[in-house]
């Protein structure tokens, strides 16, 4: 399945095209007038919304929620054949471990992942994807690759590495800012 950029004029007709184009132009002008930090914040929020929309689409293919899809993706990315602890998933997703525990139990009931005690510490639960989930994710790889290439086509590997590093720094600073604010309140 090829990925094509959605344009408002593709889904509307006649004078609606002009109206949709004007609305988009007006939105861009108003966003352009914001100071750079506020604009950056809104752009990041918008990116998150589009990522959420993609997660919802892929989650729907398995009949699960977007957050459950994220749990499966975290396991897929982190698991090196022996499962990963619940706390590693919760740290990556920045959620409470109890949320991952609850959701992983639901995913286990659907046959999408396995939960088993760690061989070294029975208190630790290790998560791994079920075979059918691995196959399902593999079946989406071509579509994911096409989207990834489209989205990141303007970045070479060095630029993307640098940009990702700067985003990681920003995330760390935002985390520290949240701690500071929580102390004040």
C-alpha atoms as a PDB file:
ATOM      1  CA  UNK A   1       0.000   0.000   0.000  1.00  0.00           C
ATOM      2  CA  UNK A   2       1.561   3.283  -1.073  1.00  0.00           C
ATOM      3  CA  UNK A   3       1.499   6.250   1.250  1.00  0.00           C
ATOM      4  CA  UNK A   4       0.382   9.549  -0.226  1.00  0.00           C
ATOM      5  CA  UNK A   5       0.301  12.941   1.395  1.00  0.00           C
ATOM      6  CA  UNK A   6      -3.297  13.923   2.147  1.00  0.00           C
ATOM      7  CA  UNK A   7      -4.219  17.304   0.750  1.00  0.00           C
ATOM      8  CA  UNK A   8      -7.489  19.075   1.546  1.00  0.00           C
ATOM      9  CA  UNK A   9      -8.158  19.651  -2.152  1.00  0.00           C
ATOM     10  CA  UNK A  10      -8.205  15.891  -2.783  1.00  0.00           C
ATOM     11  CA  UNK A  11     -11.295  15.395  -0.671  1.00  0.00           C
ATOM     12  CA  UNK A  12     -13.342  18.486  -1.522  1.00  0.00           C
ATOM     13  CA  UNK A  13     -14.855  19.875  -4.714  1.00  0.00           C
ATOM     14  CA  UNK A  14     -15.449  23.239  -6.387  1.00  0.00           C
ATOM     15  CA  UNK A  15     -15.335  26.328  -4.201  1.00  0.00           C
ATOM     16  CA  UNK A  16     -14.662  24.112  -1.200  1.00  0.00           C
ATOM     17  CA  UNK A  17     -11.104  23.682  -2.535  1.00  0.00           C
ATOM     18  CA  UNK A  18     -10.484  27.410  -2.357  1.00  0.00           C
ATOM     19  CA  UNK A  19     -12.063  27.557   1.085  1.00  0.00           C
ATOM     20  CA  UNK A  20      -9.931  24.683   2.416  1.00  0.00           C
ATOM     21  CA  UNK A  21      -6.788  26.229   0.914  1.00  0.00           C
ATOM     22  CA  UNK A  22      -7.603  29.634   2.419  1.00  0.00           C
ATOM     23  CA  UNK A  23      -8.220  28.083   5.824  1.00  0.00           C
ATOM     24  CA  UNK A  24      -4.874  26.263   5.682  1.00  0.00           C
ATOM     25  CA  UNK A  25      -3.107  29.449   4.573  1.00  0.00           C
ATOM     26  CA  UNK A  26      -4.731  31.434   7.379  1.00  0.00           C
ATOM     27  CA  UNK A  27      -3.726  28.781   9.899  1.00  0.00           C
ATOM     28  CA  UNK A  28      -0.120  28.844   8.701  1.00  0.00           C
ATOM     29  CA  UNK A  29       0.007  32.655   8.848  1.00  0.00           C
ATOM     30  CA  UNK A  30      -1.395  32.713  12.370  1.00  0.00           C
ATOM     31  CA  UNK A  31       1.027  30.004  13.504  1.00  0.00           C
ATOM     32  CA  UNK A  32       3.861  31.918  11.829  1.00  0.00           C
ATOM     33  CA  UNK A  33       3.046  34.967  13.955  1.00  0.00           C
ATOM     34  CA  UNK A  34       3.560  33.147  17.240  1.00  0.00           C
ATOM     35  CA  UNK A  35       6.880  33.536  18.988  1.00  0.00           C
ATOM     36  CA  UNK A  36       9.235  30.683  18.110  1.00  0.00           C
ATOM     37  CA  UNK A  37       8.979  28.821  21.433  1.00  0.00           C
ATOM     38  CA  UNK A  38       5.182  28.824  21.390  1.00  0.00           C
ATOM     39  CA  UNK A  39       5.182  27.799  17.741  1.00  0.00           C
ATOM     40  CA  UNK A  40       7.632  24.982  18.517  1.00  0.00           C
ATOM     41  CA  UNK A  41       5.368  23.803  21.344  1.00  0.00           C
ATOM     42  CA  UNK A  42       2.336  23.766  19.051  1.00  0.00           C
ATOM     43  CA  UNK A  43       4.255  21.941  16.317  1.00  0.00           C
ATOM     44  CA  UNK A  44       5.328  19.247  18.802  1.00  0.00           C
ATOM     45  CA  UNK A  45       1.718  18.937  20.007  1.00  0.00           C
ATOM     46  CA  UNK A  46       0.564  18.536  16.414  1.00  0.00           C
ATOM     47  CA  UNK A  47       3.219  15.905  15.736  1.00  0.00           C
ATOM     48  CA  UNK A  48       2.037  13.997  18.788  1.00  0.00           C
ATOM     49  CA  UNK A  49      -1.552  14.113  17.518  1.00  0.00           C
ATOM     50  CA  UNK A  50      -0.526  12.674  14.140  1.00  0.00           C
ATOM     51  CA  UNK A  51       1.549   9.957  15.826  1.00  0.00           C
ATOM     52  CA  UNK A  52      -1.474   9.123  17.975  1.00  0.00           C
ATOM     53  CA  UNK A  53      -3.623   8.882  14.856  1.00  0.00           C
ATOM     54  CA  UNK A  54      -1.154   6.409  13.318  1.00  0.00           C
ATOM     55  CA  UNK A  55      -1.037   4.396  16.564  1.00  0.00           C
ATOM     56  CA  UNK A  56      -4.838   4.242  16.627  1.00  0.00           C
ATOM     57  CA  UNK A  57      -4.902   2.987  13.034  1.00  0.00           C
ATOM     58  CA  UNK A  58      -2.387   0.220  13.691  1.00  0.00           C
ATOM     59  CA  UNK A  59      -3.944  -0.663  17.055  1.00  0.00           C
ATOM     60  CA  UNK A  60      -7.315  -1.057  15.370  1.00  0.00           C
ATOM     61  CA  UNK A  61      -5.857  -3.784  13.124  1.00  0.00           C
ATOM     62  CA  UNK A  62      -5.426  -5.881  16.291  1.00  0.00           C
ATOM     63  CA  UNK A  63      -8.590  -4.702  18.053  1.00  0.00           C
ATOM     64  CA  UNK A  64      -6.668  -2.942  20.827  1.00  0.00           C
ATOM     65  CA  UNK A  65      -6.186   0.614  22.113  1.00  0.00           C
ATOM     66  CA  UNK A  66      -3.426   3.040  21.134  1.00  0.00           C
ATOM     67  CA  UNK A  67      -1.694   2.730  24.530  1.00  0.00           C
ATOM     68  CA  UNK A  68      -1.813  -1.057  24.239  1.00  0.00           C
ATOM     69  CA  UNK A  69      -0.228  -0.764  20.785  1.00  0.00           C
ATOM     70  CA  UNK A  70       2.559   1.329  22.329  1.00  0.00           C
ATOM     71  CA  UNK A  71       3.198  -1.409  24.887  1.00  0.00           C
ATOM     72  CA  UNK A  72       3.507  -3.978  22.107  1.00  0.00           C
ATOM     73  CA  UNK A  73       5.861  -1.671  20.170  1.00  0.00           C
ATOM     74  CA  UNK A  74       8.020  -1.116  23.251  1.00  0.00           C
ATOM     75  CA  UNK A  75       8.305  -4.872  23.752  1.00  0.00           C
ATOM     76  CA  UNK A  76       9.053  -5.360  20.063  1.00  0.00           C
ATOM     77  CA  UNK A  77      11.832  -2.761  20.184  1.00  0.00           C
ATOM     78  CA  UNK A  78      13.394  -3.796  23.510  1.00  0.00           C
ATOM     79  CA  UNK A  79      12.976  -7.575  23.712  1.00  0.00           C
ATOM     80  CA  UNK A  80      16.092  -9.584  22.888  1.00  0.00           C
ATOM     81  CA  UNK A  81      14.444 -13.044  23.024  1.00  0.00           C
ATOM     82  CA  UNK A  82      14.128 -13.414  26.799  1.00  0.00           C
ATOM     83  CA  UNK A  83      11.357 -10.889  27.465  1.00  0.00           C
ATOM     84  CA  UNK A  84      11.649  -7.510  29.114  1.00  0.00           C
ATOM     85  CA  UNK A  85      10.593  -6.433  32.596  1.00  0.00           C
ATOM     86  CA  UNK A  86       7.417  -4.419  33.059  1.00  0.00           C
ATOM     87  CA  UNK A  87       9.424  -1.540  34.568  1.00  0.00           C
ATOM     88  CA  UNK A  88      11.505  -1.164  31.379  1.00  0.00           C
ATOM     89  CA  UNK A  89       8.328  -0.744  29.328  1.00  0.00           C
ATOM     90  CA  UNK A  90       6.895   1.735  31.836  1.00  0.00           C
ATOM     91  CA  UNK A  91      10.117   3.797  31.776  1.00  0.00           C
ATOM     92  CA  UNK A  92      10.176   3.943  27.978  1.00  0.00           C
ATOM     93  CA  UNK A  93       6.513   4.987  27.839  1.00  0.00           C
ATOM     94  CA  UNK A  94       6.724   7.283  30.889  1.00  0.00           C
ATOM     95  CA  UNK A  95       3.783   5.589  32.584  1.00  0.00           C
ATOM     96  CA  UNK A  96       3.271   3.919  35.943  1.00  0.00           C
ATOM     97  CA  UNK A  97       4.293   0.227  36.033  1.00  0.00           C
ATOM     98  CA  UNK A  98       0.810  -0.677  37.324  1.00  0.00           C
ATOM     99  CA  UNK A  99      -0.656   0.624  34.039  1.00  0.00           C
ATOM    100  CA  UNK A 100       1.665  -1.638  32.032  1.00  0.00           C
ATOM    101  CA  UNK A 101       0.833  -4.569  34.329  1.00  0.00           C
ATOM    102  CA  UNK A 102      -2.918  -4.083  33.909  1.00  0.00           C
ATOM    103  CA  UNK A 103      -2.745  -3.587  30.154  1.00  0.00           C
ATOM    104  CA  UNK A 104      -0.316  -6.471  29.640  1.00  0.00           C
ATOM    105  CA  UNK A 105      -2.746  -8.807  31.409  1.00  0.00           C
ATOM    106  CA  UNK A 106      -5.469  -7.741  28.962  1.00  0.00           C
ATOM    107  CA  UNK A 107      -3.094  -8.225  26.026  1.00  0.00           C
ATOM    108  CA  UNK A 108      -2.171 -11.657  27.356  1.00  0.00           C
ATOM    109  CA  UNK A 109      -5.868 -12.625  27.489  1.00  0.00           C
ATOM    110  CA  UNK A 110      -6.130 -11.645  23.811  1.00  0.00           C
ATOM    111  CA  UNK A 111      -3.168 -13.889  23.065  1.00  0.00           C
ATOM    112  CA  UNK A 112      -0.990 -10.976  21.918  1.00  0.00           C
ATOM    113  CA  UNK A 113       1.804 -11.278  24.477  1.00  0.00           C
ATOM    114  CA  UNK A 114       3.253 -13.599  27.076  1.00  0.00           C
ATOM    115  CA  UNK A 115       3.886 -12.756  30.717  1.00  0.00           C
ATOM    116  CA  UNK A 116       6.240 -14.923  32.734  1.00  0.00           C
ATOM    117  CA  UNK A 117       8.212 -14.553  35.933  1.00  0.00           C
ATOM    118  CA  UNK A 118      11.896 -13.744  35.643  1.00  0.00           C
ATOM    119  CA  UNK A 119      14.098 -16.817  36.185  1.00  0.00           C
ATOM    120  CA  UNK A 120      16.268 -14.812  38.608  1.00  0.00           C
ATOM    121  CA  UNK A 121      13.546 -12.931  40.543  1.00  0.00           C
ATOM    122  CA  UNK A 122       9.979 -14.264  40.645  1.00  0.00           C
ATOM    123  CA  UNK A 123       8.690 -10.800  41.630  1.00  0.00           C
ATOM    124  CA  UNK A 124       9.699  -9.466  38.201  1.00  0.00           C
ATOM    125  CA  UNK A 125       7.383 -10.171  35.274  1.00  0.00           C
ATOM    126  CA  UNK A 126       8.971 -10.384  31.831  1.00  0.00           C
ATOM    127  CA  UNK A 127       6.926  -9.551  28.734  1.00  0.00           C
ATOM    128  CA  UNK A 128       7.373 -10.914  25.236  1.00  0.00           C
ATOM    129  CA  UNK A 129       5.294 -10.848  22.087  1.00  0.00           C
ATOM    130  CA  UNK A 130       3.236 -13.856  21.068  1.00  0.00           C
ATOM    131  CA  UNK A 131       4.133 -15.401  17.714  1.00  0.00           C
ATOM    132  CA  UNK A 132       0.923 -14.131  16.099  1.00  0.00           C
ATOM    133  CA  UNK A 133       1.753 -10.570  17.228  1.00  0.00           C
ATOM    134  CA  UNK A 134       5.255 -10.797  15.799  1.00  0.00           C
ATOM    135  CA  UNK A 135       3.786 -11.993  12.484  1.00  0.00           C
ATOM    136  CA  UNK A 136       1.207  -9.203  12.500  1.00  0.00           C
ATOM    137  CA  UNK A 137       3.853  -6.538  13.130  1.00  0.00           C
ATOM    138  CA  UNK A 138       6.017  -8.054  10.387  1.00  0.00           C
ATOM    139  CA  UNK A 139       3.058  -7.831   7.994  1.00  0.00           C
ATOM    140  CA  UNK A 140       2.903  -4.068   8.640  1.00  0.00           C
ATOM    141  CA  UNK A 141       6.630  -3.537   8.037  1.00  0.00           C
ATOM    142  CA  UNK A 142       6.318  -2.546   4.368  1.00  0.00           C
ATOM    143  CA  UNK A 143       3.643   0.036   5.123  1.00  0.00           C
ATOM    144  CA  UNK A 144       5.641   1.329   8.093  1.00  0.00           C
ATOM    145  CA  UNK A 145       8.806   1.550   5.969  1.00  0.00           C
ATOM    146  CA  UNK A 146       6.970   3.533   3.277  1.00  0.00           C
ATOM    147  CA  UNK A 147       5.592   5.984   5.830  1.00  0.00           C
ATOM    148  CA  UNK A 148       8.949   6.296   7.598  1.00  0.00           C
ATOM    149  CA  UNK A 149      10.730   7.054   4.308  1.00  0.00           C
ATOM    150  CA  UNK A 150       8.102   9.651   3.394  1.00  0.00           C
ATOM    151  CA  UNK A 151       8.163  11.386   6.773  1.00  0.00           C
ATOM    152  CA  UNK A 152      11.946  11.465   7.143  1.00  0.00           C
ATOM    153  CA  UNK A 153      12.954  11.909   3.484  1.00  0.00           C
ATOM    154  CA  UNK A 154      14.453  15.365   4.145  1.00  0.00           C
ATOM    155  CA  UNK A 155      16.833  14.082   6.847  1.00  0.00           C
ATOM    156  CA  UNK A 156      20.047  12.206   6.234  1.00  0.00           C
ATOM    157  CA  UNK A 157      21.227   9.884   9.009  1.00  0.00           C
ATOM    158  CA  UNK A 158      23.571  12.443  10.599  1.00  0.00           C
ATOM    159  CA  UNK A 159      20.899  15.161  10.625  1.00  0.00           C
ATOM    160  CA  UNK A 160      18.351  12.804  12.114  1.00  0.00           C
ATOM    161  CA  UNK A 161      20.838  11.680  14.762  1.00  0.00           C
ATOM    162  CA  UNK A 162      21.604  15.292  15.686  1.00  0.00           C
ATOM    163  CA  UNK A 163      17.933  16.285  15.707  1.00  0.00           C
ATOM    164  CA  UNK A 164      16.998  13.273  17.845  1.00  0.00           C
ATOM    165  CA  UNK A 165      19.779  14.134  20.283  1.00  0.00           C
ATOM    166  CA  UNK A 166      18.466  17.678  20.593  1.00  0.00           C
ATOM    167  CA  UNK A 167      14.944  16.369  21.196  1.00  0.00           C
ATOM    168  CA  UNK A 168      16.296  14.042  23.887  1.00  0.00           C
ATOM    169  CA  UNK A 169      18.010  17.014  25.545  1.00  0.00           C
ATOM    170  CA  UNK A 170      14.774  18.986  25.363  1.00  0.00           C
ATOM    171  CA  UNK A 171      12.859  16.051  26.881  1.00  0.00           C
ATOM    172  CA  UNK A 172      15.331  15.865  29.772  1.00  0.00           C
ATOM    173  CA  UNK A 173      15.030  19.589  30.415  1.00  0.00           C
ATOM    174  CA  UNK A 174      11.239  19.422  30.290  1.00  0.00           C
ATOM    175  CA  UNK A 175      11.347  16.554  32.778  1.00  0.00           C
ATOM    176  CA  UNK A 176      13.492  18.671  35.121  1.00  0.00           C
ATOM    177  CA  UNK A 177      11.136  21.640  34.630  1.00  0.00           C
ATOM    178  CA  UNK A 178       8.204  19.436  35.667  1.00  0.00           C
ATOM    179  CA  UNK A 179      10.070  18.428  38.810  1.00  0.00           C
ATOM    180  CA  UNK A 180      10.787  22.091  39.625  1.00  0.00           C
ATOM    181  CA  UNK A 181       7.169  23.086  39.123  1.00  0.00           C
ATOM    182  CA  UNK A 182       5.899  20.161  41.195  1.00  0.00           C
ATOM    183  CA  UNK A 183       8.125  21.278  44.058  1.00  0.00           C
ATOM    184  CA  UNK A 184       6.689  24.799  43.840  1.00  0.00           C
ATOM    185  CA  UNK A 185       3.095  23.549  44.066  1.00  0.00           C
END
